Amino acid sequence: QVQLVESGGGLVQPGGSLRLSCAASGFTFSNYYMNWVRQAPGKGPEWVSRINTVSSTTRYADSVKGRFTISRDNAKNTLFLQMNSLKPEDTALYYCARGGQGSEYDYWGQGTQVTVSS
């Protein structure tokens, strides 16, 4: 079974940093594009970042560009999101999501909460 387990969220002050992790299992991690998606209270899901299979290409939403960095360690089946210069508007439940073939994402984790507040 495909499993994606996020961790690393928490409460941080504006301007602070957090590093999220996503532990993947149940599939060949290195064969899939991976994404981070977030959902703020009362809003729909917002795509945040994507990384290809070999870390040669990354993409970011304009809202996080220059502040967040996506990375992966295929040997450890782990996806990361380094978040710097956090803003209150970054407050959301953050999910890692596997890139699908016929769909944008086919599996999601349970999410990890990030709260940016003074």
Protein backbone atom coordinates (compact mmCIF):
# COMPACT_ATOMS: atom_id res chain seq x y z
CA GLN A 1 0.00 0.00 0.00
CA VAL A 2 1.11 3.51 -0.84
CA GLN A 3 1.88 5.55 2.26
CA LEU A 4 2.95 9.16 2.56
CA VAL A 5 3.60 10.47 6.04
CA GLU A 6 4.36 14.14 6.57
CA SER A 7 6.14 15.53 9.60
CA GLY A 8 7.93 18.65 10.76
CA GLY A 9 5.07 21.09 11.05
CA GLY A 10 4.53 23.31 14.01
CA LEU A 11 4.02 26.82 15.25
CA VAL A 12 6.58 29.38 14.15
CA GLN A 13 6.85 33.16 14.27
CA PRO A 14 6.78 35.25 11.10
CA GLY A 15 10.20 35.24 9.50
CA GLY A 16 11.02 31.86 10.93
CA SER A 17 11.81 28.57 9.23
CA LEU A 18 10.56 25.02 9.20
CA ARG A 19 11.61 21.91 7.35
CA LEU A 20 8.91 19.46 6.41
CA SER A 21 9.53 15.83 5.59
CA CYS A 22 7.46 13.22 3.82
CA ALA A 23 8.32 9.56 4.27
CA ALA A 24 7.14 7.45 1.35
CA SER A 25 6.60 3.72 1.22
CA GLY A 26 4.69 1.11 -0.73
CA PHE A 27 5.93 2.19 -4.16
CA THR A 28 9.08 2.94 -6.09
CA PHE A 29 9.60 6.48 -4.88
CA SER A 30 12.30 7.33 -7.41
CA ASN A 31 9.90 6.74 -10.32
CA TYR A 32 7.50 9.52 -9.37
CA TYR A 33 7.32 13.27 -9.46
CA MET A 34 6.42 14.54 -6.01
CA ASN A 35 4.54 17.63 -4.93
CA TRP A 36 3.77 19.70 -1.89
CA VAL A 37 0.23 21.00 -1.66
CA ARG A 38 -1.26 23.09 1.11
CA GLN A 39 -4.72 23.99 2.29
CA ALA A 40 -5.46 27.01 4.43
CA PRO A 41 -8.58 27.21 6.59
CA GLY A 42 -11.65 27.86 4.48
CA LYS A 43 -9.75 27.56 1.22
CA GLY A 44 -9.22 24.92 -1.39
CA PRO A 45 -5.95 23.09 -1.97
CA GLU A 46 -3.10 25.18 -3.34
CA TRP A 47 -0.21 23.60 -5.17
CA VAL A 48 3.08 24.74 -3.66
CA SER A 49 5.97 22.95 -5.33
CA ARG A 50 6.99 20.04 -7.51
CA ILE A 51 10.16 18.07 -8.06
CA ASN A 52 10.92 15.59 -10.79
CA THR A 53 12.26 12.10 -10.27
CA VAL A 54 15.96 12.92 -10.25
CA SER A 55 15.86 16.42 -8.72
CA SER A 56 16.89 18.07 -11.97
CA THR A 57 13.77 20.22 -12.20
CA THR A 58 11.83 22.04 -9.53
CA ARG A 59 8.86 24.37 -9.75
CA TYR A 60 7.22 26.66 -7.24
CA ALA A 61 4.07 28.64 -6.83
CA ASP A 62 4.69 32.37 -7.13
CA SER A 63 3.58 32.81 -3.53
CA VAL A 64 6.53 30.78 -2.20
CA LYS A 65 9.19 31.28 -4.86
CA GLY A 66 12.48 32.38 -3.34
CA ARG A 67 11.46 31.29 0.14
CA PHE A 68 10.78 27.57 -0.13
CA THR A 69 13.01 24.81 -1.46
CA ILE A 70 11.82 21.35 -2.42
CA SER A 71 14.23 18.43 -2.40
CA ARG A 72 14.23 14.67 -2.24
CA ASP A 73 16.43 11.82 -1.15
CA ASN A 74 15.55 8.86 -3.31
CA ALA A 75 17.82 6.53 -1.34
CA LYS A 76 15.79 7.29 1.78
CA ASN A 77 12.39 7.57 0.08
CA THR A 78 11.92 11.01 1.55
CA LEU A 79 10.65 14.32 0.23
CA PHE A 80 11.49 17.62 1.91
CA LEU A 81 10.27 21.19 1.93
CA GLN A 82 12.53 23.80 3.45
CA MET A 83 10.45 26.84 4.30
CA ASN A 84 12.18 30.11 5.13
CA SER A 85 10.94 33.63 5.76
CA LEU A 86 7.56 32.29 6.74
CA LYS A 87 4.53 34.54 6.61
CA PRO A 88 1.16 34.27 8.34
CA GLU A 89 -0.39 33.52 4.96
CA ASP A 90 1.71 30.35 4.82
CA THR A 91 -0.44 28.93 7.61
CA ALA A 92 -2.00 25.77 6.25
CA LEU A 93 -2.12 22.03 6.37
CA TYR A 94 0.75 20.84 4.18
CA TYR A 95 0.50 17.62 2.22
CA CYS A 96 2.93 15.71 0.10
CA ALA A 97 1.31 14.26 -2.98
CA ARG A 98 2.52 11.76 -5.54
CA GLY A 99 2.32 12.85 -9.15
CA GLY A 100 -0.22 10.85 -11.08
CA GLN A 101 -0.22 9.65 -14.66
CA GLY A 102 -3.75 10.47 -15.71
CA SER A 103 -4.36 12.87 -12.85
CA GLU A 104 -2.44 15.67 -11.17
CA TYR A 105 -1.99 13.70 -7.94
CA ASP A 106 -2.97 10.16 -7.14
CA TYR A 107 -1.99 9.79 -3.47
CA TRP A 108 -1.78 12.22 -0.58
CA GLY A 109 -0.44 12.04 2.92
CA GLN A 110 -2.40 12.97 6.01
CA GLY A 111 -0.84 16.41 6.21
CA THR A 112 1.19 18.31 8.76
CA GLN A 113 0.02 21.59 10.23
CA VAL A 114 2.10 24.73 9.81
CA THR A 115 1.01 27.76 11.78
CA VAL A 116 2.82 31.08 11.37
CA SER A 117 1.82 33.51 14.07
CA SER A 118 3.32 35.96 16.50
